[in-house]
Protein backbone atom coordinates (compact mmCIF):
# COMPACT_ATOMS: atom_id res chain seq x y z
CA MET A 1 42.63 16.61 25.22
CA GLN A 2 41.69 13.82 22.99
CA ALA A 3 39.64 14.50 20.02
CA TYR A 4 38.86 13.05 16.56
CA GLU A 5 39.73 15.16 13.59
CA LEU A 6 38.89 14.62 9.99
CA HIS A 7 42.14 14.32 8.03
CA PRO A 8 42.38 14.26 4.16
CA GLU A 9 42.07 10.47 3.89
CA GLU A 10 39.57 8.34 1.86
CA GLY A 11 36.29 7.21 3.52
CA PHE A 12 36.16 6.83 7.25
CA ALA A 13 39.94 6.39 7.43
CA ALA A 14 39.64 10.21 7.74
CA LEU A 15 38.64 9.81 11.31
CA THR A 16 41.97 10.36 13.23
CA LEU A 17 42.34 10.42 17.03
CA VAL A 18 44.58 13.32 18.12
CA ASP A 19 45.69 15.28 21.10
CA ARG A 20 44.53 18.73 21.05
CA GLN A 21 45.20 21.82 23.30
CA ALA A 22 42.27 22.69 25.08
CA PRO A 23 41.41 26.38 25.67
CA LYS A 24 43.17 27.19 29.00
CA THR A 25 40.92 30.17 29.93
CA LEU A 26 37.33 30.83 29.00
CA GLU A 27 35.79 34.01 27.82
CA PRO A 28 33.09 35.44 30.14
CA HIS A 29 30.13 33.82 28.28
CA GLN A 30 31.79 30.52 27.53
CA VAL A 31 31.18 27.14 29.01
CA ARG A 32 33.47 24.00 29.12
CA VAL A 33 31.72 20.66 28.92
CA ARG A 34 32.99 17.12 29.54
CA VAL A 35 31.33 15.33 26.67
CA ARG A 36 29.76 11.91 27.72
CA ALA A 37 28.07 10.87 24.52
CA VAL A 38 27.61 11.88 20.87
CA SER A 39 25.27 10.52 18.13
CA LEU A 40 25.79 10.30 14.43
CA ASN A 41 23.53 11.55 11.57
CA TYR A 42 23.71 11.02 7.91
CA ARG A 43 25.29 14.43 7.49
CA ASP A 44 28.28 13.16 9.42
CA LEU A 45 28.88 10.38 6.92
CA VAL A 46 28.86 12.93 4.11
CA VAL A 47 31.18 15.30 5.90
CA ALA A 48 33.64 12.46 6.70
CA LYS A 49 33.69 11.17 3.01
CA ASN A 50 34.21 14.70 1.68
CA SER A 51 37.22 15.31 4.10
CA GLN A 52 39.79 15.33 1.27
CA THR A 53 38.23 18.42 -0.20
CA ARG A 54 38.21 20.43 3.24
CA ALA A 55 40.46 23.41 3.59
CA LYS A 56 41.09 22.48 7.44
CA LYS A 57 40.99 19.62 9.70
CA ILE A 58 37.97 19.72 11.94
CA VAL A 59 36.53 17.79 14.79
CA PRO A 60 33.38 16.11 13.41
CA VAL A 61 29.88 15.39 14.63
CA SER A 62 27.13 17.93 15.56
CA ASP A 63 25.40 16.12 18.41
CA GLY A 64 26.70 15.56 21.88
CA ALA A 65 25.82 15.76 25.60
CA GLY A 66 27.76 15.99 28.77
CA GLU A 67 28.35 17.81 32.07
CA VAL A 68 29.42 21.45 32.66
CA ILE A 69 32.87 21.48 34.24
CA GLU A 70 33.75 25.16 34.10
CA THR A 71 32.03 28.40 33.36
CA GLY A 72 33.08 31.85 32.32
CA SER A 73 32.73 34.83 34.74
CA ALA A 74 29.60 36.09 33.27
CA VAL A 75 27.62 32.80 32.56
CA THR A 76 24.15 32.68 34.26
CA ARG A 77 22.41 30.06 32.06
CA VAL A 78 24.20 26.97 33.41
CA LYS A 79 26.37 25.97 36.38
CA VAL A 80 29.11 23.44 36.99
CA GLY A 81 27.60 19.99 37.36
CA ASP A 82 24.57 20.58 35.15
CA ARG A 83 23.92 17.95 32.40
CA VAL A 84 23.66 19.68 29.02
CA VAL A 85 23.41 19.15 25.32
CA ALA A 86 24.43 21.61 22.61
CA GLY A 87 22.27 23.00 19.84
CA PHE A 88 23.21 22.15 16.24
CA PHE A 89 23.43 25.87 15.24
CA PRO A 90 24.95 27.56 18.48
CA THR A 91 24.18 31.07 16.91
CA TRP A 92 20.49 30.30 16.01
CA ILE A 93 18.88 31.20 19.22
CA ASP A 94 15.46 32.06 17.99
CA GLY A 95 13.35 33.46 15.11
CA PRO A 96 13.66 32.53 11.41
CA PHE A 97 16.67 30.89 9.90
CA ALA A 98 19.31 33.24 8.38
CA GLU A 99 22.25 32.67 6.08
CA VAL A 100 24.73 33.72 8.79
CA HIS A 101 23.94 30.64 10.92
CA HIS A 102 25.19 28.35 8.07
CA GLY A 103 28.65 29.15 9.29
CA SER A 104 28.07 28.15 12.83
CA ALA A 105 26.91 24.46 12.23
CA LEU A 106 28.96 22.24 14.59
CA GLY A 107 30.92 19.43 13.03
CA GLY A 108 30.75 21.04 9.62
CA SER A 109 31.75 24.70 9.57
CA LEU A 110 33.02 24.66 13.10
CA ASP A 111 34.63 22.01 15.31
CA GLY A 112 32.09 19.52 16.61
CA MET A 113 31.40 17.28 19.49
CA LEU A 114 33.64 14.09 18.95
CA ALA A 115 36.07 15.21 21.61
CA ARG A 116 36.55 14.62 25.41
CA GLU A 117 35.81 18.42 26.04
CA VAL A 118 34.08 21.21 24.14
CA VAL A 119 33.91 24.85 24.85
CA LEU A 120 30.87 26.78 23.41
CA GLY A 121 29.01 30.00 24.32
CA GLU A 122 26.45 29.71 27.20
CA ALA A 123 23.48 30.15 24.76
CA ALA A 124 24.43 27.01 22.85
CA TRP A 125 23.73 24.73 25.81
CA VAL A 126 20.31 23.43 27.00
CA LYS A 127 19.80 21.38 30.15
CA ILE A 128 19.01 17.70 29.76
CA PRO A 129 15.63 16.58 31.36
CA GLU A 130 16.53 14.34 34.43
CA TYR A 131 14.91 11.14 33.07
CA LEU A 132 17.28 10.96 29.93
CA SER A 133 20.74 9.43 29.89
CA PHE A 134 23.58 11.16 28.22
CA GLU A 135 23.28 8.62 25.31
CA GLU A 136 19.64 9.39 24.88
CA ALA A 137 20.14 13.11 25.04
CA SER A 138 22.89 13.16 22.56
CA THR A 139 20.38 11.94 19.83
CA LEU A 140 18.34 15.16 20.13
CA PRO A 141 20.15 18.21 18.64
CA CYS A 142 19.83 17.23 14.88
CA ALA A 143 17.16 14.43 14.52
CA GLY A 144 15.02 15.48 17.37
CA VAL A 145 14.90 19.11 16.65
CA THR A 146 14.44 18.42 12.84
CA ALA A 147 11.48 16.17 13.61
CA TRP A 148 9.92 18.87 16.01
CA ASN A 149 10.42 21.57 13.39
CA ALA A 150 8.93 19.43 10.67
CA LEU A 151 5.75 18.59 12.64
CA PHE A 152 5.08 21.78 14.64
CA HIS A 153 6.86 24.72 12.94
CA ALA A 154 6.96 23.82 9.16
CA ALA A 155 3.54 22.25 9.71
CA SER A 156 0.92 22.40 12.55
CA VAL A 157 0.21 18.74 13.44
CA LYS A 158 -2.65 18.31 15.94
CA SER A 159 -4.73 15.51 17.30
CA GLY A 160 -6.41 13.42 14.63
CA ASP A 161 -4.02 14.37 11.77
CA THR A 162 -2.09 11.74 9.79
CA VAL A 163 1.75 11.97 9.32
CA LEU A 164 3.90 10.02 6.78
CA VAL A 165 7.34 9.06 7.72
CA GLN A 166 9.95 7.38 5.60
CA GLY A 167 12.22 4.58 6.93
CA THR A 168 13.68 4.06 10.37
CA GLY A 169 16.38 6.63 10.76
CA GLY A 170 16.59 9.15 13.61
CA VAL A 171 14.36 11.99 12.28
CA SER A 172 11.67 9.47 11.10
CA ILE A 173 11.47 7.65 14.41
CA PHE A 174 11.46 10.88 16.41
CA ALA A 175 8.53 12.11 14.01
CA LEU A 176 6.59 9.00 14.60
CA GLN A 177 7.08 9.33 18.48
CA LEU A 178 6.17 12.94 18.61
CA ALA A 179 3.28 12.59 16.29
CA ARG A 180 1.73 9.89 18.25
CA ALA A 181 2.32 11.83 21.59
CA ALA A 182 0.30 14.73 19.72
CA GLY A 183 -2.56 12.28 19.03
CA ALA A 184 -1.88 11.95 15.37
CA ARG A 185 -1.81 8.77 13.32
CA VAL A 186 1.28 7.60 11.48
CA VAL A 187 1.94 5.90 8.23
CA ALA A 188 5.54 4.54 7.87
CA THR A 189 7.57 3.03 4.99
CA SER A 190 10.32 0.47 5.27
CA SER A 191 11.61 -2.33 3.00
CA SER A 192 12.31 -4.62 6.07
CA ALA A 193 9.48 -6.85 7.59
CA ASP A 194 11.29 -6.63 11.13
CA LYS A 195 11.56 -2.98 10.89
CA ARG A 196 7.93 -2.52 9.92
CA ALA A 197 6.96 -4.66 12.80
CA ARG A 198 8.96 -2.39 15.15
CA LEU A 199 7.39 0.71 13.60
CA GLU A 200 3.99 -0.83 14.34
CA SER A 201 5.02 -1.39 17.88
CA LEU A 202 5.87 2.24 18.25
CA GLY A 203 2.39 3.15 17.14
CA ALA A 204 2.39 3.36 13.28
CA PHE A 205 -1.20 2.26 12.22
CA ALA A 206 -0.11 1.38 8.65
CA THR A 207 3.34 0.44 7.22
CA ILE A 208 4.27 0.00 3.50
CA ASP A 209 7.13 -1.90 1.82
CA TYR A 210 8.29 0.59 -0.59
CA ARG A 211 10.19 -2.02 -2.71
CA GLU A 212 7.22 -4.24 -3.07
CA THR A 213 4.97 -1.27 -3.64
CA PRO A 214 6.88 1.40 -5.74
CA ALA A 215 3.69 3.46 -5.90
CA TRP A 216 3.67 3.75 -2.05
CA GLY A 217 2.42 7.38 -2.19
CA GLU A 218 -0.85 6.03 -3.39
CA ALA A 219 -0.82 3.12 -0.89
CA ALA A 220 -0.32 5.68 1.91
CA ARG A 221 -3.27 7.74 0.69
CA ALA A 222 -5.37 4.59 0.49
CA ALA A 223 -4.47 3.79 4.19
CA THR A 224 -6.18 7.04 5.25
CA GLY A 225 -9.43 5.99 3.40
CA GLY A 226 -8.46 8.02 0.35
CA ARG A 227 -8.19 11.50 2.09
CA GLY A 228 -4.46 11.60 2.15
CA VAL A 229 -1.94 12.39 4.89
CA ASP A 230 -1.69 15.97 6.47
CA VAL A 231 2.06 15.95 6.70
CA ALA A 232 4.82 14.10 4.83
CA VAL A 233 8.26 14.21 6.62
CA GLU A 234 10.32 14.05 3.54
CA VAL A 235 13.71 12.62 4.32
CA GLY A 236 14.47 11.30 0.81
CA GLY A 237 14.67 14.31 -1.38
CA ALA A 238 14.32 14.18 -5.06
CA GLY A 239 13.96 10.42 -5.44
CA THR A 240 10.96 10.15 -3.09
CA PHE A 241 9.29 13.69 -3.31
CA ASP A 242 6.68 12.91 -5.81
CA GLN A 243 5.40 9.92 -3.80
CA SER A 244 5.14 12.00 -0.70
CA VAL A 245 3.03 14.54 -2.81
CA LYS A 246 0.84 11.63 -3.83
CA ALA A 247 0.29 10.56 -0.25
CA LEU A 248 -0.88 14.02 0.72
CA ARG A 249 -4.38 15.42 1.16
CA PHE A 250 -5.38 18.50 -0.82
CA GLY A 251 -3.69 21.41 1.13
CA GLY A 252 -1.21 19.25 2.90
CA THR A 253 2.33 19.82 3.86
CA VAL A 254 5.60 18.26 2.67
CA SER A 255 8.41 19.04 5.28
CA LEU A 256 11.45 18.69 3.13
CA LEU A 257 14.54 18.10 5.26
CA GLY A 258 16.64 15.21 3.76
CA ILE A 259 18.65 14.07 0.60
CA LEU A 260 18.84 10.42 1.13
CA ALA A 261 17.41 9.62 -2.35
CA GLY A 262 19.27 12.57 -4.15
CA THR A 263 19.23 16.27 -4.39
CA GLN A 264 18.23 16.56 -8.04
CA GLY A 265 15.75 14.93 -10.40
CA PRO A 266 12.42 15.46 -12.05
CA ILE A 267 9.59 16.75 -9.75
CA ASP A 268 5.83 16.68 -10.78
CA THR A 269 5.21 20.47 -10.28
CA TYR A 270 1.73 20.02 -11.54
CA ALA A 271 0.83 17.73 -8.72
CA ILE A 272 2.18 20.36 -6.26
CA LEU A 273 -0.16 23.12 -7.53
CA HIS A 274 -3.06 20.80 -8.50
CA LYS A 275 -3.37 19.75 -4.67
CA ASP A 276 -2.37 23.09 -3.24
CA VAL A 277 0.44 21.53 -1.56
CA HIS A 278 2.65 23.51 0.87
CA VAL A 279 6.42 22.75 0.58
CA ARG A 280 8.64 23.73 3.50
CA GLY A 281 12.37 23.30 3.43
CA LEU A 282 13.80 23.14 6.87
CA TYR A 283 17.40 22.81 8.32
CA VAL A 284 17.27 21.42 11.85
CA GLY A 285 16.14 24.25 14.10
CA SER A 286 16.83 27.00 16.65
CA ILE A 287 17.78 26.76 20.34
CA ALA A 288 14.35 27.92 21.14
CA MET A 289 12.88 24.95 19.30
CA PHE A 290 15.08 22.72 21.03
CA GLU A 291 13.83 23.94 24.34
CA GLU A 292 10.37 23.41 23.11
CA LEU A 293 11.22 19.93 22.23
CA LEU A 294 12.83 19.25 25.60
CA ARG A 295 9.65 20.45 27.52
CA ALA A 296 7.62 18.26 25.27
CA LEU A 297 9.87 15.23 26.07
CA ASP A 298 9.76 15.90 29.79
CA ALA A 299 5.96 16.07 29.76
CA SER A 300 5.55 12.91 27.57
CA ARG A 301 8.52 10.85 28.77
CA ILE A 302 9.29 9.81 25.25
CA ARG A 303 12.58 7.80 25.15
CA PRO A 304 14.82 8.20 22.10
CA ILE A 305 15.45 4.83 20.24
CA VAL A 306 19.14 4.19 20.43
CA ASP A 307 20.10 1.32 18.14
CA ARG A 308 23.63 0.73 19.32
CA VAL A 309 26.30 2.29 21.43
CA PHE A 310 30.01 2.28 20.60
CA SER A 311 32.96 3.19 22.58
CA PHE A 312 35.22 6.25 21.83
CA ALA A 313 37.96 4.02 20.46
CA GLU A 314 35.29 2.45 18.15
CA ALA A 315 34.21 5.69 16.33
CA ARG A 316 35.01 4.37 12.88
CA GLY A 317 32.87 1.34 13.59
CA ALA A 318 30.10 3.56 14.55
CA TYR A 319 30.30 5.46 11.23
CA GLU A 320 30.43 2.10 9.32
CA HIS A 321 27.35 0.75 11.14
CA LEU A 322 25.30 3.90 10.26
CA ALA A 323 26.45 3.65 6.72
CA SER A 324 25.30 0.05 6.56
CA GLY A 325 21.70 1.17 6.96
CA LYS A 326 21.00 -1.74 9.40
CA HIS A 327 20.21 0.57 12.24
CA PHE A 328 16.78 1.33 13.66
CA GLY A 329 16.95 4.80 15.39
CA LYS A 330 20.20 6.40 16.41
CA VAL A 331 23.75 5.27 16.54
CA VAL A 332 25.64 6.58 19.61
CA ILE A 333 29.38 6.86 20.65
CA ARG A 334 30.03 6.99 24.39
CA VAL A 335 32.89 9.17 25.27
CA ASP A 336 34.27 7.13 28.13
């Protein structure tokens, strides 16, 4: 069974195609899936670049979709032939996040999805809505679920609210699409004129060039008539956090989920307490949240934005494309 492993090499040279022995027999509640597509997240770049410090070689990538080809004797959740996608945390079924789940993250703590076959417990798999392709479904486990959590669990976005999103990565695009489907308005940031035009075509009512307007938090608040946004989907981290707070209304929420602009730095804590800001850190979401997202997608017929699809042999090229920052939406690898 072919799979990619991360070997102790520099950069994306760590991605190494190998032959692995697939499990010959399944335990009663396990499911074997023929992977058809995987998608990349910023986290996958970080994991690959840190491969020289890892204690063992792992199969990378958290997000993947495929078809069930074998089930254990006690499996009732899925059947052979079902089109399925795996949850980011296979053990986080429902309820609040717990420390124990950190050790079950696919493509980090455990072997991930960049392989021709994957075996996981049946609770990890959810069925794909019929209108989505494998490539589209593969974009959902991390970015889609994170956006859902940020809007509807960490916050309570409703019709008439205003949401701030940053850039054109997977989480931000999903947050825009989901917020618009819920009847909310969206303010978006991007330094690219072409990308801002695409954000507007997806429904953003205001876009801001954060390079031309370093005080983009105030500009976002001005776009709402001075009230401020209800929710800021914070993918940057320390480097953008204060601007998100400036964009918020009094009593608004920062859904903190990314570190693109750093993990540490000065934060204006007075602004947080002065505006009664709610800060919610979140790490993807549970299988139950994933199922909620899939029902919402099935009802709204939202289509994930796929920037580019690479072949299985072009995995390194997919990583390099994501790292370039030129993408709009998700980067996918088809496991052909």
